[in-house]
Amino acid sequence: MKIQKVLPIQDRQYQDQQGQQRVFTSMGFVLTDGVDTLFAEATGDYARSLVGYLNEDDTVRTQLSMGVRDWQDQQGQDRYENRIYISTIKKQ
């Protein structure tokens, strides 16, 4: 895949189910294979290890994991969102 965009690393605070303050670290990438384009995130210490390593227009080999998040909006309608996480990403 080719990197179209590298987003800056972000730290977001949240409260876990036990009420503890936690930090979620992520770094986003817009990736394309020339036909399809997707947004994926590296998280945690792995995201930190990628800072400065990858640039826009780099060709990479990546392993992704995908899932779905569901929730109800303010009108009570079921909504769904695809989540794509980067397990590994390396320059070719």
PDB file of N, CA and C in Angstrom:
ATOM      1  N   MET A   1       0.845  -1.177   0.000  1.00  0.00           N
ATOM      2  CA  MET A   1       0.000   0.000   0.000  1.00  0.00           C
ATOM      3  C   MET A   1       0.888   1.237   0.000  1.00  0.00           C
ATOM      4  N   LYS A   2       0.282   2.356  -0.350  1.00  0.00           N
ATOM      5  CA  LYS A   2       0.992   3.619  -0.349  1.00  0.00           C
ATOM      6  C   LYS A   2       0.360   4.530   0.706  1.00  0.00           C
ATOM      7  N   ILE A   3       1.204   5.261   1.428  1.00  0.00           N
ATOM      8  CA  ILE A   3       0.703   6.194   2.434  1.00  0.00           C
ATOM      9  C   ILE A   3       0.327   7.502   1.748  1.00  0.00           C
ATOM     10  N   GLN A   4      -0.940   7.871   1.840  1.00  0.00           N
ATOM     11  CA  GLN A   4      -1.389   9.156   1.305  1.00  0.00           C
ATOM     12  C   GLN A   4      -1.249  10.269   2.331  1.00  0.00           C
ATOM     13  N   LYS A   5      -1.469   9.916   3.602  1.00  0.00           N
ATOM     14  CA  LYS A   5      -1.411  10.934   4.651  1.00  0.00           C
ATOM     15  C   LYS A   5      -0.984  10.293   5.965  1.00  0.00           C
ATOM     16  N   VAL A   6      -0.101  10.993   6.691  1.00  0.00           N
ATOM     17  CA  VAL A   6       0.307  10.595   8.040  1.00  0.00           C
ATOM     18  C   VAL A   6      -0.218  11.657   8.992  1.00  0.00           C
ATOM     19  N   LEU A   7      -1.052  11.262   9.930  1.00  0.00           N
ATOM     20  CA  LEU A   7      -1.582  12.206  10.902  1.00  0.00           C
ATOM     21  C   LEU A   7      -0.672  12.257  12.130  1.00  0.00           C
ATOM     22  N   PRO A   8      -0.648  13.380  12.837  1.00  0.00           N
ATOM     23  CA  PRO A   8       0.208  13.483  14.031  1.00  0.00           C
ATOM     24  C   PRO A   8      -0.256  12.526  15.123  1.00  0.00           C
ATOM     25  N   ILE A   9       0.689  12.114  15.943  1.00  0.00           N
ATOM     26  CA  ILE A   9       0.351  11.239  17.072  1.00  0.00           C
ATOM     27  C   ILE A   9      -0.524  12.031  18.045  1.00  0.00           C
ATOM     28  N   GLN A  10      -1.484  11.335  18.646  1.00  0.00           N
ATOM     29  CA  GLN A  10      -2.407  11.979  19.584  1.00  0.00           C
ATOM     30  C   GLN A  10      -2.507  11.165  20.864  1.00  0.00           C
ATOM     31  N   ASP A  11      -2.607  11.867  21.976  1.00  0.00           N
ATOM     32  CA  ASP A  11      -2.903  11.259  23.273  1.00  0.00           C
ATOM     33  C   ASP A  11      -4.259  11.777  23.716  1.00  0.00           C
ATOM     34  N   ARG A  12      -5.213  10.874  23.945  1.00  0.00           N
ATOM     35  CA  ARG A  12      -6.549  11.260  24.393  1.00  0.00           C
ATOM     36  C   ARG A  12      -6.824  10.613  25.750  1.00  0.00           C
ATOM     37  N   GLN A  13      -7.241  11.424  26.699  1.00  0.00           N
ATOM     38  CA  GLN A  13      -7.561  10.888  28.019  1.00  0.00           C
ATOM     39  C   GLN A  13      -8.989  10.369  28.029  1.00  0.00           C
ATOM     40  N   TYR A  14      -9.193   9.292  28.776  1.00  0.00           N
ATOM     41  CA  TYR A  14     -10.529   8.735  28.952  1.00  0.00           C
ATOM     42  C   TYR A  14     -10.605   8.067  30.319  1.00  0.00           C
ATOM     43  N   GLN A  15     -11.805   7.726  30.720  1.00  0.00           N
ATOM     44  CA  GLN A  15     -12.023   7.051  31.989  1.00  0.00           C
ATOM     45  C   GLN A  15     -12.430   5.614  31.702  1.00  0.00           C
ATOM     46  N   ASP A  16     -11.699   4.645  32.276  1.00  0.00           N
ATOM     47  CA  ASP A  16     -12.026   3.238  32.030  1.00  0.00           C
ATOM     48  C   ASP A  16     -13.253   2.827  32.847  1.00  0.00           C
ATOM     49  N   GLN A  17     -13.650   1.572  32.726  1.00  0.00           N
ATOM     50  CA  GLN A  17     -14.874   1.093  33.382  1.00  0.00           C
ATOM     51  C   GLN A  17     -14.774   1.109  34.909  1.00  0.00           C
ATOM     52  N   GLN A  18     -13.542   1.138  35.435  1.00  0.00           N
ATOM     53  CA  GLN A  18     -13.347   1.201  36.882  1.00  0.00           C
ATOM     54  C   GLN A  18     -13.197   2.647  37.372  1.00  0.00           C
ATOM     55  N   GLY A  19     -13.362   3.615  36.461  1.00  0.00           N
ATOM     56  CA  GLY A  19     -13.266   5.014  36.837  1.00  0.00           C
ATOM     57  C   GLY A  19     -11.849   5.565  36.855  1.00  0.00           C
ATOM     58  N   GLN A  20     -10.869   4.791  36.394  1.00  0.00           N
ATOM     59  CA  GLN A  20      -9.476   5.231  36.361  1.00  0.00           C
ATOM     60  C   GLN A  20      -9.212   6.074  35.115  1.00  0.00           C
ATOM     61  N   GLN A  21      -8.428   7.142  35.277  1.00  0.00           N
ATOM     62  CA  GLN A  21      -8.011   7.945  34.134  1.00  0.00           C
ATOM     63  C   GLN A  21      -6.964   7.173  33.338  1.00  0.00           C
ATOM     64  N   ARG A  22      -7.147   7.083  32.036  1.00  0.00           N
ATOM     65  CA  ARG A  22      -6.227   6.387  31.135  1.00  0.00           C
ATOM     66  C   ARG A  22      -5.924   7.295  29.950  1.00  0.00           C
ATOM     67  N   VAL A  23      -4.881   6.922  29.205  1.00  0.00           N
ATOM     68  CA  VAL A  23      -4.505   7.660  28.007  1.00  0.00           C
ATOM     69  C   VAL A  23      -4.516   6.696  26.830  1.00  0.00           C
ATOM     70  N   PHE A  24      -5.208   7.077  25.759  1.00  0.00           N
ATOM     71  CA  PHE A  24      -5.243   6.307  24.519  1.00  0.00           C
ATOM     72  C   PHE A  24      -4.363   7.046  23.518  1.00  0.00           C
ATOM     73  N   THR A  25      -3.309   6.386  23.060  1.00  0.00           N
ATOM     74  CA  THR A  25      -2.377   6.971  22.105  1.00  0.00           C
ATOM     75  C   THR A  25      -2.633   6.359  20.739  1.00  0.00           C
ATOM     76  N   SER A  26      -2.710   7.224  19.702  1.00  0.00           N
ATOM     77  CA  SER A  26      -2.922   6.697  18.361  1.00  0.00           C
ATOM     78  C   SER A  26      -2.245   7.587  17.326  1.00  0.00           C
ATOM     79  N   MET A  27      -1.961   6.974  16.186  1.00  0.00           N
ATOM     80  CA  MET A  27      -1.400   7.680  15.040  1.00  0.00           C
ATOM     81  C   MET A  27      -2.137   7.162  13.817  1.00  0.00           C
ATOM     82  N   GLY A  28      -2.751   8.074  13.059  1.00  0.00           N
ATOM     83  CA  GLY A  28      -3.577   7.682  11.934  1.00  0.00           C
ATOM     84  C   GLY A  28      -2.853   7.766  10.602  1.00  0.00           C
ATOM     85  N   PHE A  29      -3.281   6.901   9.680  1.00  0.00           N
ATOM     86  CA  PHE A  29      -2.721   6.842   8.335  1.00  0.00           C
ATOM     87  C   PHE A  29      -3.851   6.680   7.328  1.00  0.00           C
ATOM     88  N   VAL A  30      -3.773   7.404   6.218  1.00  0.00           N
ATOM     89  CA  VAL A  30      -4.646   7.153   5.083  1.00  0.00           C
ATOM     90  C   VAL A  30      -3.812   6.341   4.099  1.00  0.00           C
ATOM     91  N   LEU A  31      -4.294   5.131   3.793  1.00  0.00           N
ATOM     92  CA  LEU A  31      -3.566   4.184   2.952  1.00  0.00           C
ATOM     93  C   LEU A  31      -4.365   3.862   1.695  1.00  0.00           C
ATOM     94  N   THR A  32      -3.658   3.616   0.589  1.00  0.00           N
ATOM     95  CA  THR A  32      -4.340   3.225  -0.645  1.00  0.00           C
ATOM     96  C   THR A  32      -3.554   2.136  -1.353  1.00  0.00           C
ATOM     97  N   ASP A  33      -4.285   1.285  -2.058  1.00  0.00           N
ATOM     98  CA  ASP A  33      -3.643   0.295  -2.926  1.00  0.00           C
ATOM     99  C   ASP A  33      -3.778   0.707  -4.384  1.00  0.00           C
ATOM    100  N   GLY A  34      -4.238   1.930  -4.617  1.00  0.00           N
ATOM    101  CA  GLY A  34      -4.453   2.427  -5.969  1.00  0.00           C
ATOM    102  C   GLY A  34      -5.894   2.309  -6.415  1.00  0.00           C
ATOM    103  N   VAL A  35      -6.664   1.482  -5.738  1.00  0.00           N
ATOM    104  CA  VAL A  35      -8.083   1.324  -6.040  1.00  0.00           C
ATOM    105  C   VAL A  35      -8.908   1.736  -4.819  1.00  0.00           C
ATOM    106  N   ASP A  36      -8.618   1.111  -3.690  1.00  0.00           N
ATOM    107  CA  ASP A  36      -9.341   1.384  -2.453  1.00  0.00           C
ATOM    108  C   ASP A  36      -8.470   2.212  -1.514  1.00  0.00           C
ATOM    109  N   THR A  37      -9.143   3.050  -0.716  1.00  0.00           N
ATOM    110  CA  THR A  37      -8.466   3.898   0.259  1.00  0.00           C
ATOM    111  C   THR A  37      -9.119   3.678   1.618  1.00  0.00           C
ATOM    112  N   LEU A  38      -8.304   3.645   2.673  1.00  0.00           N
ATOM    113  CA  LEU A  38      -8.831   3.423   4.016  1.00  0.00           C
ATOM    114  C   LEU A  38      -8.050   4.238   5.029  1.00  0.00           C
ATOM    115  N   PHE A  39      -8.677   4.437   6.180  1.00  0.00           N
ATOM    116  CA  PHE A  39      -8.035   5.078   7.321  1.00  0.00           C
ATOM    117  C   PHE A  39      -7.777   4.003   8.362  1.00  0.00           C
ATOM    118  N   ALA A  40      -6.542   3.938   8.871  1.00  0.00           N
ATOM    119  CA  ALA A  40      -6.192   2.957   9.902  1.00  0.00           C
ATOM    120  C   ALA A  40      -5.329   3.638  10.951  1.00  0.00           C
ATOM    121  N   GLU A  41      -5.369   3.110  12.170  1.00  0.00           N
ATOM    122  CA  GLU A  41      -4.601   3.684  13.271  1.00  0.00           C
ATOM    123  C   GLU A  41      -3.657   2.656  13.875  1.00  0.00           C
ATOM    124  N   ALA A  42      -2.459   3.123  14.210  1.00  0.00           N
ATOM    125  CA  ALA A  42      -1.566   2.383  15.097  1.00  0.00           C
ATOM    126  C   ALA A  42      -1.817   2.945  16.491  1.00  0.00           C
ATOM    127  N   THR A  43      -1.715   2.109  17.522  1.00  0.00           N
ATOM    128  CA  THR A  43      -2.042   2.561  18.869  1.00  0.00           C
ATOM    129  C   THR A  43      -0.928   2.236  19.853  1.00  0.00           C
ATOM    130  N   GLY A  44      -0.999   2.905  20.994  1.00  0.00           N
ATOM    131  CA  GLY A  44      -0.106   2.635  22.114  1.00  0.00           C
ATOM    132  C   GLY A  44       1.366   2.871  21.806  1.00  0.00           C
ATOM    133  N   ASP A  45       2.210   2.043  22.424  1.00  0.00           N
ATOM    134  CA  ASP A  45       3.652   2.164  22.239  1.00  0.00           C
ATOM    135  C   ASP A  45       4.048   1.932  20.786  1.00  0.00           C
ATOM    136  N   TYR A  46       3.295   1.096  20.078  1.00  0.00           N
ATOM    137  CA  TYR A  46       3.619   0.863  18.668  1.00  0.00           C
ATOM    138  C   TYR A  46       3.466   2.161  17.872  1.00  0.00           C
ATOM    139  N   ALA A  47       2.418   2.927  18.145  1.00  0.00           N
ATOM    140  CA  ALA A  47       2.234   4.216  17.468  1.00  0.00           C
ATOM    141  C   ALA A  47       3.427   5.126  17.757  1.00  0.00           C
ATOM    142  N   ARG A  48       3.860   5.170  19.007  1.00  0.00           N
ATOM    143  CA  ARG A  48       5.008   6.012  19.363  1.00  0.00           C
ATOM    144  C   ARG A  48       6.266   5.597  18.600  1.00  0.00           C
ATOM    145  N   SER A  49       6.430   4.302  18.366  1.00  0.00           N
ATOM    146  CA  SER A  49       7.627   3.822  17.673  1.00  0.00           C
ATOM    147  C   SER A  49       7.648   4.224  16.200  1.00  0.00           C
ATOM    148  N   LEU A  50       6.505   4.614  15.652  1.00  0.00           N
ATOM    149  CA  LEU A  50       6.415   4.969  14.233  1.00  0.00           C
ATOM    150  C   LEU A  50       6.674   6.448  13.961  1.00  0.00           C
ATOM    151  N   VAL A  51       6.721   7.277  15.001  1.00  0.00           N
ATOM    152  CA  VAL A  51       6.924   8.713  14.814  1.00  0.00           C
ATOM    153  C   VAL A  51       8.251   8.946  14.090  1.00  0.00           C
ATOM    154  N   GLY A  52       8.181   9.634  12.956  1.00  0.00           N
ATOM    155  CA  GLY A  52       9.370   9.950  12.179  1.00  0.00           C
ATOM    156  C   GLY A  52       9.850   8.843  11.261  1.00  0.00           C
ATOM    157  N   TYR A  53       9.257   7.642  11.352  1.00  0.00           N
ATOM    158  CA  TYR A  53       9.694   6.494  10.548  1.00  0.00           C
ATOM    159  C   TYR A  53       9.018   6.470   9.178  1.00  0.00           C
ATOM    160  N   LEU A  54       7.743   6.827   9.125  1.00  0.00           N
ATOM    161  CA  LEU A  54       6.972   6.746   7.884  1.00  0.00           C
ATOM    162  C   LEU A  54       6.576   8.127   7.394  1.00  0.00           C
ATOM    163  N   ASN A  55       6.513   8.283   6.076  1.00  0.00           N
ATOM    164  CA  ASN A  55       6.178   9.559   5.462  1.00  0.00           C
ATOM    165  C   ASN A  55       5.144   9.348   4.359  1.00  0.00           C
ATOM    166  N   GLU A  56       4.486  10.432   3.980  1.00  0.00           N
ATOM    167  CA  GLU A  56       3.571  10.381   2.853  1.00  0.00           C
ATOM    168  C   GLU A  56       4.328   9.943   1.611  1.00  0.00           C
ATOM    169  N   ASP A  57       3.679   9.159   0.779  1.00  0.00           N
ATOM    170  CA  ASP A  57       4.209   8.572  -0.457  1.00  0.00           C
ATOM    171  C   ASP A  57       5.091   7.344  -0.230  1.00  0.00           C
ATOM    172  N   ASP A  58       5.363   6.961   1.024  1.00  0.00           N
ATOM    173  CA  ASP A  58       6.087   5.709   1.271  1.00  0.00           C
ATOM    174  C   ASP A  58       5.215   4.530   0.836  1.00  0.00           C
ATOM    175  N   THR A  59       5.844   3.517   0.254  1.00  0.00           N
ATOM    176  CA  THR A  59       5.167   2.261  -0.040  1.00  0.00           C
ATOM    177  C   THR A  59       5.433   1.336   1.140  1.00  0.00           C
ATOM    178  N   VAL A  60       4.368   0.718   1.663  1.00  0.00           N
ATOM    179  CA  VAL A  60       4.479  -0.086   2.878  1.00  0.00           C
ATOM    180  C   VAL A  60       3.771  -1.424   2.719  1.00  0.00           C
ATOM    181  N   ARG A  61       4.191  -2.343   3.541  1.00  0.00           N
ATOM    182  CA  ARG A  61       3.487  -3.610   3.721  1.00  0.00           C
ATOM    183  C   ARG A  61       2.894  -3.548   5.120  1.00  0.00           C
ATOM    184  N   THR A  62       1.610  -3.870   5.230  1.00  0.00           N
ATOM    185  CA  THR A  62       0.951  -3.719   6.528  1.00  0.00           C
ATOM    186  C   THR A  62       0.056  -4.915   6.846  1.00  0.00           C
ATOM    187  N   GLN A  63      -0.068  -5.162   8.127  1.00  0.00           N
ATOM    188  CA  GLN A  63      -1.008  -6.167   8.624  1.00  0.00           C
ATOM    189  C   GLN A  63      -2.051  -5.413   9.436  1.00  0.00           C
ATOM    190  N   LEU A  64      -3.316  -5.605   9.087  1.00  0.00           N
ATOM    191  CA  LEU A  64      -4.406  -4.863   9.705  1.00  0.00           C
ATOM    192  C   LEU A  64      -5.332  -5.784  10.489  1.00  0.00           C
ATOM    193  N   SER A  65      -5.943  -5.245  11.516  1.00  0.00           N
ATOM    194  CA  SER A  65      -7.023  -5.951  12.204  1.00  0.00           C
ATOM    195  C   SER A  65      -8.243  -5.041  12.149  1.00  0.00           C
ATOM    196  N   MET A  66      -9.398  -5.648  11.947  1.00  0.00           N
ATOM    197  CA  MET A  66     -10.626  -4.869  11.754  1.00  0.00           C
ATOM    198  C   MET A  66     -11.719  -5.328  12.701  1.00  0.00           C
ATOM    199  N   GLY A  67     -12.568  -4.379  13.034  1.00  0.00           N
ATOM    200  CA  GLY A  67     -13.704  -4.679  13.883  1.00  0.00           C
ATOM    201  C   GLY A  67     -14.797  -3.665  13.628  1.00  0.00           C
ATOM    202  N   VAL A  68     -15.872  -3.782  14.367  1.00  0.00           N
ATOM    203  CA  VAL A  68     -16.995  -2.862  14.220  1.00  0.00           C
ATOM    204  C   VAL A  68     -17.421  -2.396  15.604  1.00  0.00           C
ATOM    205  N   ARG A  69     -17.804  -1.137  15.685  1.00  0.00           N
ATOM    206  CA  ARG A  69     -18.350  -0.571  16.914  1.00  0.00           C
ATOM    207  C   ARG A  69     -19.792  -0.200  16.620  1.00  0.00           C
ATOM    208  N   ASP A  70     -20.695  -0.551  17.539  1.00  0.00           N
ATOM    209  CA  ASP A  70     -22.090  -0.169  17.351  1.00  0.00           C
ATOM    210  C   ASP A  70     -22.552   0.675  18.530  1.00  0.00           C
ATOM    211  N   TRP A  71     -23.485   1.555  18.267  1.00  0.00           N
ATOM    212  CA  TRP A  71     -24.055   2.414  19.284  1.00  0.00           C
ATOM    213  C   TRP A  71     -25.406   2.917  18.802  1.00  0.00           C
ATOM    214  N   GLN A  72     -26.133   3.545  19.720  1.00  0.00           N
ATOM    215  CA  GLN A  72     -27.404   4.166  19.348  1.00  0.00           C
ATOM    216  C   GLN A  72     -27.235   5.673  19.340  1.00  0.00           C
ATOM    217  N   ASP A  73     -27.747   6.317  18.285  1.00  0.00           N
ATOM    218  CA  ASP A  73     -27.663   7.769  18.198  1.00  0.00           C
ATOM    219  C   ASP A  73     -28.755   8.399  19.070  1.00  0.00           C
ATOM    220  N   GLN A  74     -28.858   9.719  19.038  1.00  0.00           N
ATOM    221  CA  GLN A  74     -29.810  10.444  19.888  1.00  0.00           C
ATOM    222  C   GLN A  74     -31.263  10.118  19.564  1.00  0.00           C
ATOM    223  N   GLN A  75     -31.508   9.636  18.339  1.00  0.00           N
ATOM    224  CA  GLN A  75     -32.872   9.250  17.959  1.00  0.00           C
ATOM    225  C   GLN A  75     -33.145   7.771  18.237  1.00  0.00           C
ATOM    226  N   GLY A  76     -32.205   7.074  18.856  1.00  0.00           N
ATOM    227  CA  GLY A  76     -32.401   5.666  19.177  1.00  0.00           C
ATOM    228  C   GLY A  76     -32.111   4.719  18.023  1.00  0.00           C
ATOM    229  N   GLN A  77     -31.564   5.238  16.921  1.00  0.00           N
ATOM    230  CA  GLN A  77     -31.235   4.403  15.762  1.00  0.00           C
ATOM    231  C   GLN A  77     -29.894   3.691  15.989  1.00  0.00           C
ATOM    232  N   ASP A  78     -29.831   2.435  15.582  1.00  0.00           N
ATOM    233  CA  ASP A  78     -28.573   1.706  15.659  1.00  0.00           C
ATOM    234  C   ASP A  78     -27.608   2.238  14.608  1.00  0.00           C
ATOM    235  N   ARG A  79     -26.374   2.487  15.015  1.00  0.00           N
ATOM    236  CA  ARG A  79     -25.329   2.976  14.116  1.00  0.00           C
ATOM    237  C   ARG A  79     -24.124   2.060  14.223  1.00  0.00           C
ATOM    238  N   TYR A  80     -23.338   2.008  13.149  1.00  0.00           N
ATOM    239  CA  TYR A  80     -22.170   1.132  13.093  1.00  0.00           C
ATOM    240  C   TYR A  80     -20.990   1.886  12.507  1.00  0.00           C
ATOM    241  N   GLU A  81     -19.802   1.532  12.969  1.00  0.00           N
ATOM    242  CA  GLU A  81     -18.581   2.163  12.492  1.00  0.00           C
ATOM    243  C   GLU A  81     -17.500   1.097  12.356  1.00  0.00           C
ATOM    244  N   ASN A  82     -16.846   1.071  11.207  1.00  0.00           N
ATOM    245  CA  ASN A  82     -15.706   0.170  11.032  1.00  0.00           C
ATOM    246  C   ASN A  82     -14.493   0.756  11.728  1.00  0.00           C
ATOM    247  N   ARG A  83     -13.702  -0.091  12.362  1.00  0.00           N
ATOM    248  CA  ARG A  83     -12.471   0.317  13.019  1.00  0.00           C
ATOM    249  C   ARG A  83     -11.355  -0.527  12.418  1.00  0.00           C
ATOM    250  N   ILE A  84     -10.286   0.129  11.955  1.00  0.00           N
ATOM    251  CA  ILE A  84      -9.154  -0.583  11.361  1.00  0.00           C
ATOM    252  C   ILE A  84      -7.902  -0.185  12.119  1.00  0.00           C
ATOM    253  N   TYR A  85      -7.217  -1.189  12.659  1.00  0.00           N
ATOM    254  CA  TYR A  85      -6.003  -0.962  13.430  1.00  0.00           C
ATOM    255  C   TYR A  85      -4.810  -1.593  12.717  1.00  0.00           C
ATOM    256  N   ILE A  86      -3.674  -0.931  12.821  1.00  0.00           N
ATOM    257  CA  ILE A  86      -2.447  -1.419  12.211  1.00  0.00           C
ATOM    258  C   ILE A  86      -1.717  -2.290  13.226  1.00  0.00           C
ATOM    259  N   SER A  87      -1.540  -3.574  12.868  1.00  0.00           N
ATOM    260  CA  SER A  87      -0.768  -4.481  13.725  1.00  0.00           C
ATOM    261  C   SER A  87       0.724  -4.312  13.439  1.00  0.00           C
ATOM    262  N   THR A  88       1.080  -4.262  12.148  1.00  0.00           N
ATOM    263  CA  THR A  88       2.460  -4.002  11.725  1.00  0.00           C
ATOM    264  C   THR A  88       2.425  -3.184  10.445  1.00  0.00           C
ATOM    265  N   ILE A  89       3.433  -2.340  10.284  1.00  0.00           N
ATOM    266  CA  ILE A  89       3.564  -1.570   9.052  1.00  0.00           C
ATOM    267  C   ILE A  89       5.064  -1.353   8.827  1.00  0.00           C
ATOM    268  N   LYS A  90       5.529  -1.701   7.634  1.00  0.00           N
ATOM    269  CA  LYS A  90       6.959  -1.614   7.317  1.00  0.00           C
ATOM    270  C   LYS A  90       7.148  -1.063   5.922  1.00  0.00           C
ATOM    271  N   LYS A  91       8.200  -0.269   5.767  1.00  0.00           N
ATOM    272  CA  LYS A  91       8.549   0.235   4.435  1.00  0.00           C
ATOM    273  C   LYS A  91       8.968  -0.913   3.554  1.00  0.00           C
ATOM    274  N   GLN A  92       8.661  -0.792   2.253  1.00  0.00           N
ATOM    275  CA  GLN A  92       9.100  -1.803   1.298  1.00  0.00           C
ATOM    276  C   GLN A  92      10.335  -1.309   0.577  1.00  0.00           C
TER     277      GLN A  92
END
